[in-house]
Protein backbone atom coordinates (compact mmCIF):
# COMPACT_ATOMS: atom_id res chain seq x y z
CA MET A 1 -34.46 64.25 -24.09
CA GLY A 2 -35.14 66.03 -20.76
CA PRO A 3 -34.57 64.26 -17.42
CA GLU A 4 -36.68 61.56 -16.04
CA THR A 5 -39.21 62.77 -13.56
CA THR A 6 -38.86 62.28 -9.77
CA ASP A 7 -42.25 62.92 -8.72
CA PRO A 8 -43.81 59.77 -7.12
CA GLU A 9 -47.07 60.41 -8.49
CA ALA A 10 -45.94 60.17 -12.15
CA GLY A 11 -45.43 56.10 -11.85
CA PHE A 12 -47.43 53.56 -9.93
CA PHE A 13 -44.58 51.49 -9.63
CA ALA A 14 -40.88 52.15 -9.25
CA ASP A 15 -39.90 50.02 -12.26
CA ARG A 16 -40.87 52.40 -15.05
CA HIS A 17 -40.87 49.42 -17.64
CA ILE A 18 -43.22 47.65 -14.73
CA ASP A 19 -45.17 50.83 -14.73
CA ALA A 20 -46.16 51.12 -18.42
CA ARG A 21 -46.68 47.74 -19.04
CA MET A 22 -49.15 48.33 -15.98
CA ARG A 23 -51.00 51.61 -17.43
CA ALA A 24 -51.32 49.53 -20.61
CA LEU A 25 -53.81 47.47 -18.82
CA VAL A 26 -56.15 49.85 -18.24
CA PRO A 27 -57.55 49.92 -22.01
CA ILE A 28 -57.69 46.48 -21.97
CA PHE A 29 -59.73 46.17 -18.67
CA ALA A 30 -62.12 49.01 -20.44
CA ARG A 31 -62.48 47.32 -23.57
CA LEU A 32 -63.16 43.76 -22.08
CA GLY A 33 -65.79 44.93 -19.82
CA VAL A 34 -67.20 46.74 -23.06
CA VAL A 35 -67.26 43.77 -24.75
CA VAL A 36 -68.85 41.70 -22.11
CA VAL A 37 -71.77 44.31 -21.58
CA ALA A 38 -72.45 44.70 -25.46
CA VAL A 39 -72.76 40.67 -25.98
CA GLY A 40 -74.75 40.42 -22.75
CA GLY A 41 -77.03 43.20 -23.59
CA LEU A 42 -77.88 42.01 -26.98
CA LEU A 43 -78.26 38.36 -26.43
CA GLY A 44 -79.29 38.04 -23.00
CA VAL A 45 -81.57 40.99 -22.26
CA HIS A 46 -85.05 41.21 -22.95
CA PRO A 47 -87.30 42.50 -24.58
CA LEU A 48 -84.85 44.07 -27.37
CA TRP A 49 -84.96 47.44 -26.56
CA ARG A 50 -83.48 46.79 -22.72
CA GLY A 51 -80.89 44.43 -24.89
CA LEU A 52 -80.01 47.54 -27.34
CA SER A 53 -80.17 50.00 -24.62
CA VAL A 54 -77.37 48.16 -22.81
CA ALA A 55 -75.19 47.73 -26.29
CA GLY A 56 -75.64 51.29 -26.57
CA ASP A 57 -74.14 52.29 -23.20
CA ALA A 58 -71.69 49.95 -23.97
CA LEU A 59 -70.29 51.56 -26.97
CA LEU A 60 -70.85 54.83 -25.50
CA ALA A 61 -68.53 53.99 -23.02
CA LEU A 62 -65.94 51.87 -25.70
CA VAL A 63 -65.97 55.63 -27.22
CA PHE A 64 -64.37 56.98 -24.04
CA THR A 65 -62.49 54.64 -23.47
CA GLU A 66 -60.81 54.92 -27.15
CA LEU A 67 -60.66 58.56 -26.76
CA ALA A 68 -58.37 58.32 -23.15
CA VAL A 69 -56.10 55.97 -25.58
CA ARG A 70 -55.89 57.97 -28.14
CA THR A 71 -55.10 61.06 -26.21
CA GLY A 72 -52.51 59.83 -24.60
CA PHE A 73 -54.64 60.48 -21.31
CA VAL A 74 -53.95 56.94 -19.86
CA GLU A 75 -50.05 57.21 -20.76
CA ARG A 76 -49.78 60.44 -18.58
CA ALA A 77 -53.04 59.80 -16.35
CA ARG A 78 -51.94 59.80 -12.30
CA HIS A 79 -53.44 57.61 -9.66
CA ALA A 80 -56.45 60.32 -8.91
CA HIS A 81 -57.54 59.98 -12.64
CA VAL A 82 -57.05 56.24 -12.94
CA PHE A 83 -58.88 55.88 -10.17
CA SER A 84 -61.95 57.92 -11.30
CA LEU A 85 -62.13 56.55 -14.73
CA LEU A 86 -62.15 52.81 -12.77
CA MET A 87 -65.19 54.70 -10.69
CA LEU A 88 -67.17 55.92 -13.92
CA TYR A 89 -66.47 52.25 -15.52
CA SER A 90 -68.09 50.73 -12.70
CA SER A 91 -71.00 53.32 -12.79
CA GLN A 92 -71.92 52.15 -16.21
CA ILE A 93 -71.37 48.33 -15.34
CA THR A 94 -74.00 48.79 -12.69
CA LEU A 95 -75.92 50.98 -15.26
CA ALA A 96 -75.96 48.15 -17.57
CA GLU A 97 -77.19 46.01 -14.31
CA ILE A 98 -80.40 48.21 -13.73
CA ILE A 99 -81.51 47.95 -17.19
CA SER A 100 -80.68 44.92 -17.77
CA ARG A 101 -82.61 44.12 -14.35
CA ASN A 102 -79.56 41.36 -14.10
CA ILE A 103 -77.20 42.11 -11.57
CA THR A 104 -75.49 38.99 -10.58
CA ALA A 105 -74.26 38.65 -14.64
CA PHE A 106 -73.24 42.07 -15.47
CA GLY A 107 -72.31 42.37 -11.67
CA LEU A 108 -69.36 39.83 -12.33
CA VAL A 109 -67.55 42.30 -14.29
CA HIS A 110 -66.85 44.77 -11.30
CA VAL A 111 -64.19 41.68 -10.25
CA LEU A 112 -62.01 43.65 -13.18
CA PRO A 113 -61.72 47.40 -11.76
CA ILE A 114 -61.82 46.22 -8.27
CA ILE A 115 -58.47 44.04 -8.52
CA PHE A 116 -57.35 46.65 -10.98
CA ALA A 117 -57.16 48.97 -8.10
CA ALA A 118 -56.22 46.85 -5.47
CA VAL A 119 -53.38 46.19 -7.47
CA PHE A 120 -52.47 49.90 -8.29
CA PHE A 121 -53.06 51.70 -5.14
CA THR A 122 -51.03 51.70 -2.39
CA ARG A 123 -54.02 53.34 0.38
CA ALA A 124 -56.54 51.61 1.66
CA ALA A 125 -58.80 54.12 -0.03
CA GLY A 126 -57.87 53.32 -3.02
CA ARG A 127 -58.00 49.89 -2.55
CA TYR A 128 -61.17 49.41 -0.92
CA ALA A 129 -63.38 52.25 -1.44
CA LEU A 130 -63.91 50.81 -4.74
CA PRO A 131 -65.87 47.58 -4.13
CA VAL A 132 -67.62 49.81 -0.93
CA TYR A 133 -68.81 51.97 -3.43
CA VAL A 134 -69.94 49.34 -6.15
CA ALA A 135 -71.83 47.30 -3.49
CA VAL A 136 -73.68 50.68 -2.61
CA ILE A 137 -74.86 51.91 -5.90
CA GLU A 138 -75.95 48.77 -6.81
CA TYR A 139 -78.31 48.20 -3.60
CA VAL A 140 -79.04 52.23 -3.81
CA ALA A 141 -79.87 51.95 -7.94
CA GLY A 142 -81.39 48.53 -7.62
CA ARG A 143 -83.54 48.57 -4.52
CA PRO A 144 -86.62 50.41 -5.67
CA ASP A 145 -87.15 47.85 -8.62
CA HIS A 146 -86.48 45.33 -5.83
CA LEU A 147 -83.80 43.68 -7.67
CA ILE A 148 -81.81 43.22 -4.67
CA ASP A 149 -82.10 42.91 -0.77
CA ALA A 150 -79.80 43.96 2.27
CA GLY A 151 -78.42 40.79 2.66
CA THR A 152 -77.89 40.17 -0.61
CA ALA A 153 -76.23 43.66 -0.20
CA CYS A 154 -74.06 42.85 2.16
CA VAL A 155 -72.86 39.46 0.52
CA ARG A 156 -71.21 41.19 -2.33
CA LEU A 157 -70.03 43.73 -0.34
CA ALA A 158 -68.25 41.51 1.32
CA ALA A 159 -67.09 39.09 -1.75
CA LEU A 160 -66.19 42.01 -3.55
CA LEU A 161 -64.20 43.41 -0.23
CA LEU A 162 -62.35 39.93 -0.73
CA LEU A 163 -61.57 40.48 -4.35
CA ALA A 164 -59.95 43.68 -3.17
CA HIS A 165 -57.81 42.01 -0.60
CA PHE A 166 -56.56 39.20 -3.17
CA GLY A 167 -55.25 42.03 -5.22
CA VAL A 168 -53.47 43.44 -2.58
CA GLN A 169 -52.04 40.49 -2.14
CA LEU A 170 -50.73 40.20 -5.69
CA ALA A 171 -50.21 43.50 -5.77
CA GLN A 172 -47.48 43.38 -2.67
CA VAL A 173 -45.77 40.34 -4.78
CA LEU A 174 -45.43 42.44 -7.43
CA ARG A 175 -43.64 45.70 -5.77
CA GLU A 176 -41.20 43.06 -3.65
CA ALA A 177 -40.23 41.35 -6.92
CA MET A 178 -39.41 44.76 -8.42
CA THR A 179 -37.57 46.26 -5.85
CA ALA A 180 -35.47 43.68 -5.43
CA HIS A 181 -35.22 43.95 -9.36
CA ARG A 182 -34.63 47.40 -9.11
CA SER A 183 -32.18 47.35 -6.41
CA LEU A 184 -30.04 44.42 -7.90
CA HIS A 185 -30.34 47.02 -11.58
CA SER A 186 -29.18 49.73 -9.30
CA VAL A 187 -25.46 47.81 -8.17
CA LEU A 188 -24.84 47.07 -11.91
CA GLU A 189 -25.72 50.64 -13.30
CA GLY A 190 -23.27 51.58 -10.57
CA ALA A 191 -20.41 49.95 -12.38
CA ILE A 192 -21.88 51.54 -15.49
CA LEU A 193 -21.48 54.73 -14.15
CA GLU A 194 -18.21 54.36 -13.42
CA LEU A 195 -18.06 54.72 -9.06
CA SER A 196 -15.09 53.83 -7.21
CA PRO A 197 -14.81 50.30 -5.83
CA ASP A 198 -15.33 51.80 -2.28
CA GLU A 199 -18.96 53.86 -3.59
CA LEU A 200 -20.04 50.39 -5.47
CA ALA A 201 -19.38 48.65 -2.16
CA LEU A 202 -21.06 50.70 -0.04
CA ARG A 203 -24.13 51.11 -2.55
CA GLY A 204 -24.22 47.52 -2.24
CA ALA A 205 -24.16 47.36 1.66
CA GLU A 206 -27.42 49.84 1.18
CA VAL A 207 -29.07 47.43 -1.22
CA ALA A 208 -28.83 44.25 0.75
CA ARG A 209 -29.84 45.80 3.79
CA ALA A 210 -32.74 47.42 2.48
CA THR A 211 -32.94 43.79 0.12
CA VAL A 212 -33.53 41.82 3.68
CA GLY A 213 -34.77 44.13 5.74
CA TRP A 214 -31.99 43.68 8.22
CA ASP A 215 -30.65 46.78 10.36
CA GLY A 216 -27.20 46.91 8.69
CA ALA A 217 -24.60 45.47 6.47
CA GLY A 218 -21.07 45.43 5.28
CA VAL A 219 -18.81 45.32 2.41
CA ASN A 220 -15.26 43.63 3.23
CA MET A 221 -12.49 43.25 0.25
CA VAL A 222 -10.52 39.95 0.76
CA GLU A 223 -7.02 40.87 1.36
CA PRO A 224 -3.53 38.57 1.57
CA ASP A 225 -3.45 39.75 5.35
CA GLY A 226 -7.35 39.56 6.15
CA TYR A 227 -10.72 41.75 5.54
CA ARG A 228 -10.51 45.00 5.30
CA VAL A 229 -13.54 47.05 6.08
CA THR A 230 -15.01 49.05 2.86
CA ALA A 231 -18.41 49.91 3.31
CA ILE A 232 -20.71 49.96 6.25
CA ALA A 233 -24.80 51.19 5.96
CA GLY A 234 -27.09 51.16 8.70
CA LEU A 235 -24.85 53.00 11.17
CA PRO A 236 -24.56 56.96 11.85
CA ALA A 237 -22.27 57.99 9.54
CA ALA A 238 -19.57 58.97 12.31
CA GLN A 239 -19.62 55.60 13.34
CA ALA A 240 -19.57 54.43 10.07
CA ALA A 241 -16.02 56.76 8.98
CA SER A 242 -14.73 54.81 12.04
CA TYR A 243 -14.88 51.28 11.01
CA VAL A 244 -14.03 51.73 6.85
CA GLY A 245 -10.58 50.95 6.23
CA SER A 246 -10.12 48.93 9.14
CA LEU A 247 -8.29 45.22 8.53
CA ILE A 248 -9.66 42.38 10.19
CA PRO A 249 -7.02 39.74 10.33
CA LYS A 250 -7.59 36.31 9.08
CA GLY A 251 -7.46 33.17 11.45
CA ARG A 252 -9.83 34.08 14.02
CA GLY A 253 -12.56 31.42 12.97
CA ASP A 254 -15.09 34.61 13.28
CA LEU A 255 -18.02 34.68 10.48
CA LEU A 256 -15.68 36.31 7.35
CA ASP A 257 -13.03 33.24 7.93
CA ARG A 258 -16.13 30.56 7.69
CA VAL A 259 -18.06 32.32 4.54
CA ALA A 260 -14.47 32.66 2.41
CA SER A 261 -14.05 29.38 3.66
CA SER A 262 -17.51 27.84 2.63
CA GLY A 263 -17.34 29.89 -0.47
CA LYS A 264 -14.33 28.24 -1.20
CA ASN A 265 -15.96 25.16 -2.20
CA GLY A 266 -18.29 26.06 -5.11
CA GLU A 267 -17.42 28.06 -8.00
CA THR A 268 -20.62 29.63 -7.46
CA GLY A 269 -22.91 31.32 -5.33
CA GLY A 270 -22.01 30.22 -1.10
CA GLU A 271 -23.76 29.33 1.47
CA VAL A 272 -24.89 31.74 3.77
CA ILE A 273 -23.26 31.62 7.22
CA GLU A 274 -25.47 33.03 10.50
CA VAL A 275 -23.74 33.64 13.50
CA THR A 276 -25.20 35.38 16.76
CA ALA A 277 -21.99 36.56 18.24
CA SER A 278 -18.46 38.27 16.10
CA ASP A 279 -16.02 39.96 16.31
CA TYR A 280 -17.14 42.31 13.53
CA PRO A 281 -16.48 46.08 14.41
CA ALA A 282 -20.69 46.58 14.07
CA SER A 283 -20.67 43.99 17.12
CA ARG A 284 -20.51 46.54 19.45
CA ASN A 285 -23.61 48.32 18.83
CA GLY A 286 -25.67 46.23 19.99
CA PHE A 287 -26.48 43.52 17.24
CA THR A 288 -27.14 39.91 17.67
CA ARG A 289 -27.45 37.98 14.56
CA TYR A 290 -25.11 38.47 11.49
CA SER A 291 -25.24 36.37 7.86
CA GLY A 292 -22.37 36.34 5.59
CA VAL A 293 -22.52 35.38 1.99
CA PRO A 294 -18.90 35.43 -0.51
CA ILE A 295 -18.35 37.93 -2.98
CA ARG A 296 -17.43 36.49 -5.95
CA TYR A 297 -15.72 37.68 -9.73
CA HIS A 298 -14.78 35.14 -12.15
CA GLY A 299 -14.99 32.19 -9.25
CA GLU A 300 -12.39 34.04 -7.28
CA ILE A 301 -14.00 35.45 -3.83
CA ILE A 302 -13.04 39.14 -2.98
CA ALA A 303 -14.86 40.13 -0.93
CA VAL A 304 -17.34 38.94 1.97
CA LEU A 305 -20.88 40.47 2.21
CA VAL A 306 -22.38 40.59 5.78
CA VAL A 307 -25.69 42.11 7.19
CA PHE A 308 -26.90 42.20 11.08
CA ARG A 309 -29.55 42.85 13.09
CA ARG A 310 -31.10 43.29 16.47
CA LYS A 311 -33.72 40.85 16.25
CA PRO A 312 -32.76 37.51 17.06
CA GLN A 313 -34.50 36.22 13.92
CA GLY A 314 -32.68 34.99 11.02
CA LEU A 315 -32.73 34.84 7.52
CA ASP A 316 -35.63 32.94 5.72
CA LEU A 317 -35.44 31.00 2.34
CA GLN A 318 -36.52 33.90 0.02
CA SER A 319 -34.42 36.47 1.75
CA SER A 320 -31.05 33.69 1.69
CA ASP A 321 -31.46 33.77 -1.87
CA ARG A 322 -32.11 37.40 -2.38
CA LEU A 323 -28.68 38.10 -0.28
CA ARG A 324 -26.99 35.40 -2.78
CA ASP A 325 -28.49 37.68 -5.87
CA VAL A 326 -26.92 40.71 -4.39
CA ALA A 327 -23.69 39.27 -3.55
CA GLU A 328 -23.55 38.36 -7.58
CA GLN A 329 -24.32 41.24 -8.39
CA LEU A 330 -21.80 43.16 -6.79
CA GLY A 331 -19.26 41.15 -7.27
CA LEU A 332 -19.75 41.76 -10.79
CA ALA A 333 -19.85 45.17 -10.36
CA LEU A 334 -17.03 45.11 -7.86
CA GLY A 335 -14.65 42.90 -10.25
CA SER A 336 -15.45 44.90 -13.31
CA SER A 337 -14.60 48.16 -11.79
CA ARG A 338 -11.35 46.88 -10.28
CA ALA A 339 -10.76 45.37 -13.48
CA ALA A 340 -11.03 49.02 -15.26
CA LEU A 341 -9.15 50.43 -12.67
CA GLN A 342 -6.26 47.90 -13.06
CA GLU A 343 -6.05 48.94 -16.58
CA GLN A 344 -5.91 52.49 -16.68
CA GLN A 345 -2.89 51.88 -14.27
CA VAL A 346 -1.44 50.00 -16.69
CA SER A 347 -2.02 52.47 -19.31
CA ARG A 348 -0.98 55.05 -16.77
CA GLN A 349 2.42 53.06 -16.77
CA LEU A 350 2.75 52.65 -20.02
CA ARG A 351 2.51 56.32 -21.02
CA GLU A 352 4.97 57.01 -18.37
CA LEU A 353 7.34 54.74 -19.69
CA ASN A 354 6.57 55.86 -23.27
CA GLN A 355 7.42 59.21 -21.86
CA ARG A 356 10.68 58.05 -20.59
CA LYS A 357 11.55 56.49 -23.24
CA ASP A 358 11.19 59.85 -25.46
CA GLU A 359 13.28 61.70 -23.00
CA PHE A 360 15.42 58.98 -22.69
CA LEU A 361 16.66 58.99 -26.42
CA ALA A 362 16.60 63.11 -26.59
CA THR A 363 18.68 62.64 -23.04
CA ILE A 364 21.13 60.19 -24.79
CA SER A 365 20.84 62.45 -28.12
CA HIS A 366 22.42 65.39 -26.42
CA GLU A 367 24.82 63.38 -24.21
CA LEU A 368 26.49 61.41 -27.41
CA ARG A 369 26.34 64.60 -29.55
CA THR A 370 28.12 66.67 -27.32
CA PRO A 371 31.67 64.54 -26.83
CA ALA A 372 31.18 63.52 -30.69
CA THR A 373 31.22 66.96 -31.70
CA THR A 374 34.30 68.02 -29.66
CA ILE A 375 36.34 64.47 -30.64
CA GLU A 376 35.26 65.79 -34.20
CA LEU A 377 36.91 69.61 -33.51
CA ALA A 378 39.56 68.19 -31.50
CA ALA A 379 40.34 66.34 -34.74
CA ARG A 380 40.40 68.71 -36.83
CA THR A 381 42.33 70.88 -35.30
CA LEU A 382 45.42 68.74 -35.11
CA MET A 383 44.85 67.75 -38.74
CA ARG A 384 44.97 71.64 -40.01
CA ALA A 385 46.88 73.71 -37.35
CA GLY A 386 48.93 70.74 -35.04
CA ASP A 387 52.08 72.01 -36.46
CA ARG A 388 51.34 75.04 -35.37
CA LEU A 389 50.13 74.29 -32.24
CA SER A 390 52.09 75.46 -28.73
CA LEU A 391 53.32 72.16 -26.51
CA ASP A 392 50.47 73.36 -24.16
CA GLU A 393 47.67 74.18 -26.88
CA SER A 394 48.40 70.39 -28.23
CA LEU A 395 48.24 69.16 -24.78
CA GLN A 396 45.23 70.78 -24.28
CA VAL A 397 43.13 69.46 -27.49
CA ARG A 398 44.44 65.54 -26.84
CA GLN A 399 43.40 65.88 -22.87
CA ALA A 400 39.96 66.76 -24.60
CA LEU A 401 40.42 64.03 -26.90
CA VAL A 402 40.79 61.35 -24.52
CA SER A 403 38.31 62.86 -21.65
CA ARG A 404 35.72 62.94 -24.44
CA SER A 405 36.43 59.48 -25.88
CA ARG A 406 36.77 58.28 -22.23
CA GLN A 407 33.00 59.61 -21.88
CA MET A 408 31.78 57.53 -24.87
CA ARG A 409 32.84 55.24 -24.09
CA ASP A 410 31.38 55.13 -20.41
CA LEU A 411 27.67 55.82 -21.87
CA ILE A 412 28.15 52.70 -24.48
CA GLU A 413 29.62 50.64 -21.75
CA SER A 414 26.46 52.02 -19.55
CA LEU A 415 24.51 51.53 -21.95
CA LEU A 416 25.66 47.74 -22.77
CA GLU A 417 25.35 46.90 -18.69
CA LEU A 418 21.78 48.15 -18.52
CA ALA A 419 20.44 45.91 -21.51
CA LEU A 420 22.69 42.93 -19.89
CA SER A 421 21.37 43.50 -16.35
CA GLU A 422 17.67 43.80 -18.10
CA SER A 423 18.17 40.49 -20.15
CA GLY A 424 19.33 38.66 -16.86
CA GLU A 425 22.75 38.02 -18.65
CA SER A 426 25.17 40.07 -16.25
CA ARG A 427 28.07 38.15 -15.00
CA LEU A 428 30.95 38.75 -12.43
CA ASN A 429 34.71 37.93 -13.13
CA LEU A 430 35.55 37.52 -9.32
CA ASP A 431 39.26 38.23 -8.16
CA LEU A 432 41.12 39.09 -5.10
CA VAL A 433 40.98 42.62 -4.34
CA ASP A 434 43.26 44.67 -2.21
CA TRP A 435 41.09 47.28 -1.33
CA THR A 436 43.54 49.61 0.23
CA SER A 437 45.76 49.87 -2.89
CA THR A 438 42.92 49.53 -4.95
CA LEU A 439 40.84 52.38 -3.84
CA THR A 440 43.90 54.57 -3.42
CA ARG A 441 44.17 54.55 -7.20
CA TRP A 442 40.67 54.85 -8.29
CA ILE A 443 39.97 57.84 -5.92
CA ALA A 444 43.31 59.49 -7.94
CA ASP A 445 41.82 58.39 -11.39
CA PHE A 446 38.47 60.00 -10.08
CA GLU A 447 39.92 63.52 -9.16
CA ASP A 448 41.38 63.53 -12.44
CA ARG A 449 38.04 62.88 -14.31
CA LEU A 450 36.14 65.16 -12.20
CA GLY A 451 38.41 68.21 -11.75
CA ARG A 452 37.98 68.64 -8.11
CA PRO A 453 39.49 66.99 -4.53
CA LEU A 454 38.04 63.74 -3.29
CA THR A 455 38.43 62.44 0.51
CA LEU A 456 39.12 59.01 1.07
CA GLU A 457 38.94 57.17 4.46
CA LEU A 458 40.63 53.95 5.23
CA PRO A 459 40.78 51.66 7.81
CA ASP A 460 44.09 50.86 9.27
CA GLU A 461 43.80 47.07 8.24
CA ALA A 462 44.28 45.58 5.32
CA LEU A 463 41.48 44.51 3.48
CA VAL A 464 41.41 42.11 0.60
CA SER A 465 38.38 40.01 -0.94
CA GLU A 466 37.06 38.54 -3.80
CA ALA A 467 35.22 41.02 -6.27
CA ASP A 468 34.50 42.30 -9.99
CA ALA A 469 36.92 45.10 -9.54
CA ALA A 470 35.88 46.83 -12.96
CA LYS A 471 32.24 46.69 -12.13
CA ILE A 472 33.34 47.99 -8.27
CA GLU A 473 34.91 50.82 -9.73
CA ARG A 474 31.83 51.45 -12.01
CA VAL A 475 29.39 51.51 -8.77
CA LEU A 476 32.04 54.25 -7.06
CA PHE A 477 32.54 56.61 -9.81
CA ASN A 478 28.60 56.99 -10.30
CA LEU A 479 28.42 57.64 -6.85
CA VAL A 480 31.12 59.72 -6.70
CA SER A 481 30.09 61.34 -9.80
CA ASN A 482 26.83 62.01 -8.59
CA ALA A 483 27.98 63.15 -5.34
CA ALA A 484 29.76 66.22 -6.86
CA LYS A 485 27.50 66.78 -9.23
CA PHE A 486 24.88 67.65 -6.70
CA SER A 487 27.02 69.52 -4.16
CA MET A 488 27.03 73.09 -3.54
CA GLY A 489 30.16 74.30 -5.56
CA ASP A 490 33.62 72.26 -6.28
CA GLU A 491 34.79 73.68 -2.57
CA SER A 492 31.70 71.41 -1.46
CA PRO A 493 33.70 68.03 0.32
CA VAL A 494 33.12 64.49 -1.22
CA THR A 495 33.92 61.74 1.30
CA VAL A 496 34.74 58.30 0.39
CA ARG A 497 34.79 56.23 3.75
CA VAL A 498 35.49 52.46 3.78
CA SER A 499 34.77 50.19 7.21
CA THR A 500 34.43 46.54 7.54
CA ALA A 501 32.12 43.83 9.76
CA PRO A 502 33.15 40.43 9.81
CA THR A 503 31.34 39.35 6.48
CA GLU A 504 31.07 42.33 4.35
CA ILE A 505 32.85 45.56 3.22
CA VAL A 506 30.97 49.04 3.80
CA ILE A 507 32.19 52.06 1.11
CA SER A 508 30.10 55.24 1.88
CA VAL A 509 29.75 58.11 -0.14
CA ILE A 510 28.79 61.17 1.76
CA ASP A 511 28.08 64.54 0.79
CA HIS A 512 26.76 67.79 1.76
CA GLY A 513 25.14 69.19 -1.45
CA MET A 514 21.33 69.39 -1.74
CA GLY A 515 20.07 65.88 -0.66
CA ILE A 516 16.81 63.83 -1.66
CA LEU A 517 13.46 64.17 -0.46
CA PRO A 518 11.96 60.77 1.49
CA GLY A 519 9.07 60.42 -1.31
CA ASP A 520 12.60 60.19 -3.84
CA ILE A 521 15.07 57.88 -2.08
CA GLU A 522 13.28 55.04 -4.14
CA LYS A 523 12.46 56.69 -7.54
CA ILE A 524 16.20 57.35 -7.78
CA PHE A 525 17.01 53.86 -8.70
CA ASP A 526 14.32 54.10 -11.26
CA PRO A 527 15.92 53.33 -14.61
CA PHE A 528 16.12 56.68 -17.18
CA LEU A 529 14.62 58.71 -14.52
CA GLN A 530 16.49 62.53 -12.96
CA LEU A 531 15.03 64.15 -10.52
CA ASP A 532 16.59 67.33 -11.52
CA GLY A 533 16.75 67.77 -15.19
CA GLY A 534 18.30 71.18 -15.25
CA SER A 535 21.18 70.01 -13.11
CA THR A 536 21.73 67.18 -14.95
CA ARG A 537 21.68 68.25 -18.29
CA GLU A 538 24.85 70.93 -17.35
CA GLN A 539 26.63 67.73 -15.61
CA GLY A 540 25.71 65.44 -18.01
CA GLY A 541 23.90 61.83 -17.69
CA LEU A 542 21.42 59.35 -18.61
CA GLY A 543 19.47 58.39 -15.44
CA ILE A 544 20.81 55.11 -15.53
CA GLY A 545 23.82 55.45 -13.02
CA LEU A 546 22.14 54.74 -10.13
CA THR A 547 20.40 51.71 -11.61
CA LEU A 548 23.61 50.19 -12.85
CA VAL A 549 24.89 51.05 -9.01
CA ARG A 550 21.99 48.68 -7.53
CA HIS A 551 22.38 46.11 -10.35
CA PHE A 552 25.76 45.78 -9.91
CA VAL A 553 25.91 45.79 -5.64
CA ARG A 554 22.95 43.03 -5.93
CA LEU A 555 24.82 40.98 -8.76
CA HIS A 556 27.84 40.99 -5.42
CA GLY A 557 24.90 39.47 -3.52
CA GLY A 558 25.19 43.13 -1.67
CA ARG A 559 22.79 45.90 -0.38
CA VAL A 560 22.66 49.71 -0.85
CA ASP A 561 21.62 52.16 1.78
CA VAL A 562 20.68 55.79 1.28
CA SER A 563 20.46 58.11 4.56
CA SER A 564 19.42 61.60 3.18
CA VAL A 565 18.14 64.83 4.03
CA ALA A 566 16.91 67.81 2.14
CA GLY A 567 19.67 71.04 2.01
CA GLU A 568 21.89 68.79 4.23
CA GLY A 569 23.40 66.08 2.05
CA SER A 570 22.88 62.31 1.56
CA THR A 571 24.92 59.07 1.80
CA PHE A 572 25.21 56.11 -0.15
CA ARG A 573 26.37 52.71 1.41
CA ILE A 574 27.34 49.96 -0.18
CA ALA A 575 27.93 46.84 1.50
CA ILE A 576 29.69 43.73 -0.25
CA PRO A 577 29.87 40.30 1.16
CA ARG A 578 34.03 39.59 2.47
CA ARG A 579 35.03 36.60 0.24
CA GLY A 580 38.32 34.89 -0.16
CA ASP A 581 40.15 36.73 2.91
């Protein structure tokens, strides 16, 4: 099917369904007139030849009517075509009047085309020309036979014009109802077309403004701290853009607060609040009248719809009802759109988690396979050629066994700790820790495990407090190994600095490596996320080390802070409360 035509002449009414129904009235009017004329001619006109003539004229009109219907002429007809049909129809009735010499009886049939034309056409030429035409041809055709005088013709003209005016009023009601219906439909249509919430809000504001006939309208989404101006219609584009996105705080007792409060009293609808002064952003443009109504979705107030105008007149009852209708439709559209976006976001997050899971499984397979292979090779070497190895070779094989076994143990313990942390079952084993001696021992062990020197800076005072030493050792090793991993070569210094405060102990790990981008600092604590997969793969890692760091420190009641400059290095600080010192 081709696209629907946008030619305004293609339909009498904006709504295509109403237009089709109204077009269907054309043959009904014609057939009704034919029946009236034919029956009237046969039963009420004498002599008989004159009645047969009227009936024959009616049958001829019926033939032309059916031809117009069967050929699809009425369905495709434009304004001018239909108006021509009505004039021919009226001429046929007038001819029957003259033949029957009974203007009063057959003149009643003129009511149909006159009202029909008044309802269908928007211009005065189409609405009021037909009754004038009927009165003129009746007077001209009937005067020679003294069927009508000038006074009667004037009275008939006045009556026909009154009928036409009645049709005009009927058409106005129909058009207003259809315009309101079409406007409401366009809001829901926007949700079907998957417009964004901002686009839907703008469409709803435009519909509200057009429906009540005011100068402007705005949609304001409800947020915890206030009302976010999402869309404004009826203002110049530059002004509207300057207002959109601004937050109107709650608690001013202004229009938005009053509307939101009134909307809480019922599950549906909401009171229309009208004020003459407001802090609404549009107030600086000379508007003096404001009306607002809550926008709901499943009983929850999600936004406030506001209309405003410069004239002091408020809303009448009909406009208030229509404003509520717009708010109701807009609530359905906005709520559905937001629900769809949330569903898409959840779906995207699930896909990301699934991707991370796949990457994690691939990583853990690699990380476990590497030490397992080394352990197997070292064990085979000792079994098959242990007595032929030199002391140095035997020591290297045993060191590989210890190193790779420790690596596997650390990997397994990290996974167990992560599982415990996610289930909320992690526990602290608190004991007094002499930080000076303990940190000195840990750093020496770290140097041996990492194969590179580390710098330890301790305060002069003795430090003793309660902590879970095993977990803090894991925290510190994860930070130090990360610092070494992302440093620029083995010569790049890594420093562990300890400082004290009255209520906490602060341990800082400082490197001069590649650094972290500002937008990635919070991401590095997400599980299974590695910002530099290539470097991480070379050095090993599951992407859960920093996740455990934050978990263990928070378990102690402490905090983790990060400061970094890309290309210059990073500083990780863990602050642990001092207990039992």
